[in-house]
Amino acid sequence: MAAPRWDPLRNDSLPPTLTPAVPPYVKLGLTSVYTAFYSLLFVFIYAQLWLVLRYGHKRLSYQSVFLFLCLLWASLRTVLFSFYFRDFVAANALSPFVFWLLYCFPVCLQFFTLTLMNLYFTQVSWAGGRHL
């Protein structure tokens, strides 16, 4: 049985269905790679924060705030990509707050991190007496 042909002049006919651009096994492989990468990044940053505490560095410094922002970013990305393992359709149909937290807030964290690095660079360059 052949599918009915699509007629653009008729409203009751269905357009042809699109096939996915990426095969499912590639999507699963990329999801696994990203999840593993973000998990390793989380563990590395977590270890760095423990070293800051262990060796008695200032608790509220540029380094510790930067590491905490990166830890929060990596944890949100790990959670997001781990959702894709179960059901990627459900991962795209989240409640508004959870959607904002997993998709939009990491971008805000990247902006905060960039702003913190700019503030640190400005403070170091002005405190050293050099004007760039």
Protein backbone atom coordinates (compact mmCIF):
# COMPACT_ATOMS: atom_id res chain seq x y z
CA MET A 1 0.00 0.00 0.00
CA ALA A 2 1.56 3.25 -1.12
CA ALA A 3 1.42 6.45 0.90
CA PRO A 4 -0.75 9.20 -0.56
CA ARG A 5 1.12 11.84 -2.50
CA TRP A 6 1.48 15.24 -0.92
CA ASP A 7 -0.40 17.98 -2.68
CA PRO A 8 0.65 21.48 -1.52
CA LEU A 9 -2.62 22.94 -2.83
CA ARG A 10 -4.80 20.76 -0.59
CA ASN A 11 -4.93 21.36 3.17
CA ASP A 12 -6.00 17.86 4.14
CA SER A 13 -2.94 16.12 2.70
CA LEU A 14 0.06 15.43 4.90
CA PRO A 15 3.56 16.68 4.03
CA PRO A 16 6.29 14.07 3.67
CA THR A 17 7.90 13.05 6.93
CA LEU A 18 11.51 13.99 7.52
CA THR A 19 14.06 11.45 8.53
CA PRO A 20 16.46 12.27 11.39
CA ALA A 21 19.69 13.92 10.29
CA VAL A 22 21.74 11.84 12.73
CA PRO A 23 21.25 8.10 13.21
CA PRO A 24 20.22 7.00 16.72
CA TYR A 25 23.51 5.21 17.44
CA VAL A 26 25.46 8.41 16.69
CA LYS A 27 23.14 10.39 18.96
CA LEU A 28 23.64 7.84 21.74
CA GLY A 29 27.41 7.88 21.24
CA LEU A 30 27.59 11.68 21.39
CA THR A 31 25.37 11.74 24.47
CA SER A 32 27.65 9.22 26.20
CA VAL A 33 30.78 11.20 25.29
CA TYR A 34 29.31 14.48 26.53
CA THR A 35 28.02 12.90 29.74
CA ALA A 36 31.40 11.30 30.44
CA PHE A 37 33.23 14.56 29.68
CA TYR A 38 31.02 16.65 31.95
CA SER A 39 31.20 14.01 34.70
CA LEU A 40 35.01 13.99 34.56
CA LEU A 41 35.04 17.78 34.59
CA PHE A 42 32.78 17.74 37.65
CA VAL A 43 35.06 15.31 39.49
CA PHE A 44 38.18 17.32 38.59
CA ILE A 45 36.68 20.62 39.78
CA TYR A 46 35.33 18.97 42.93
CA ALA A 47 38.84 17.70 43.71
CA GLN A 48 40.24 21.19 43.12
CA LEU A 49 37.75 22.67 45.58
CA TRP A 50 38.74 20.07 48.18
CA LEU A 51 42.38 21.00 47.65
CA VAL A 52 41.51 24.67 48.24
CA LEU A 53 39.93 23.67 51.56
CA ARG A 54 42.69 21.23 52.48
CA TYR A 55 45.60 23.60 52.01
CA GLY A 56 43.93 26.57 53.69
CA HIS A 57 43.55 28.97 50.79
CA LYS A 58 41.18 31.88 51.19
CA ARG A 59 37.67 30.52 51.08
CA LEU A 60 36.20 33.53 49.31
CA SER A 61 38.67 34.20 46.54
CA TYR A 62 38.51 34.50 42.78
CA GLN A 63 39.77 30.94 42.48
CA SER A 64 37.18 29.39 44.78
CA VAL A 65 34.26 31.37 43.29
CA PHE A 66 35.44 30.49 39.77
CA LEU A 67 35.71 26.80 40.68
CA PHE A 68 32.30 26.82 42.35
CA LEU A 69 30.67 28.40 39.27
CA CYS A 70 32.37 25.82 37.05
CA LEU A 71 31.26 23.01 39.38
CA LEU A 72 27.67 24.18 39.23
CA TRP A 73 27.85 24.49 35.42
CA ALA A 74 29.35 21.00 35.01
CA SER A 75 26.77 19.46 37.35
CA LEU A 76 23.85 21.01 35.45
CA ARG A 77 25.27 19.83 32.12
CA THR A 78 25.84 16.33 33.49
CA VAL A 79 22.24 16.16 34.70
CA LEU A 80 20.93 17.45 31.36
CA PHE A 81 22.84 14.97 29.24
CA SER A 82 22.05 12.08 31.58
CA PHE A 83 18.35 12.81 30.95
CA TYR A 84 18.91 12.08 27.28
CA PHE A 85 19.80 8.47 28.10
CA ARG A 86 16.33 7.71 29.39
CA ASP A 87 14.06 9.68 27.09
CA PHE A 88 15.11 12.67 25.03
CA VAL A 89 11.50 13.63 24.35
CA ALA A 90 10.83 13.94 28.09
CA ALA A 91 14.07 15.91 28.48
CA ASN A 92 12.71 18.49 26.04
CA ALA A 93 9.27 18.63 27.68
CA LEU A 94 10.20 19.71 31.21
CA SER A 95 8.42 22.14 33.49
CA PRO A 96 9.37 25.78 32.89
CA PHE A 97 11.61 26.12 35.96
CA VAL A 98 13.48 22.87 35.33
CA PHE A 99 13.80 23.74 31.64
CA TRP A 100 15.26 27.15 32.57
CA LEU A 101 17.57 25.56 35.15
CA LEU A 102 18.99 22.95 32.76
CA TYR A 103 19.00 24.87 29.48
CA CYS A 104 19.22 28.60 30.28
CA PHE A 105 20.95 28.91 33.65
CA PRO A 106 24.24 27.35 32.44
CA VAL A 107 24.51 30.18 29.91
CA CYS A 108 24.05 32.66 32.76
CA LEU A 109 26.77 30.83 34.69
CA GLN A 110 29.10 31.16 31.71
CA PHE A 111 28.42 34.90 31.66
CA PHE A 112 29.10 35.17 35.41
CA THR A 113 32.35 33.24 34.97
CA LEU A 114 33.49 35.47 32.11
CA THR A 115 32.60 38.56 34.14
CA LEU A 116 34.57 37.22 37.09
CA MET A 117 37.60 36.57 34.89
CA ASN A 118 37.36 40.12 33.47
CA LEU A 119 37.12 41.56 36.97
CA TYR A 120 40.16 39.57 38.09
CA PHE A 121 42.16 40.61 35.01
CA THR A 122 41.23 44.26 35.55
CA GLN A 123 42.21 44.12 39.21
CA VAL A 124 45.54 42.45 38.48
CA SER A 125 46.41 44.80 35.64
CA TRP A 126 45.51 47.98 37.59
CA ALA A 127 47.10 46.83 40.85
CA GLY A 128 50.38 46.06 39.10
CA GLY A 129 50.71 49.63 37.88
CA ARG A 130 50.58 48.58 34.25
CA HIS A 131 47.92 49.97 31.98
CA LEU A 132 47.08 47.80 29.03
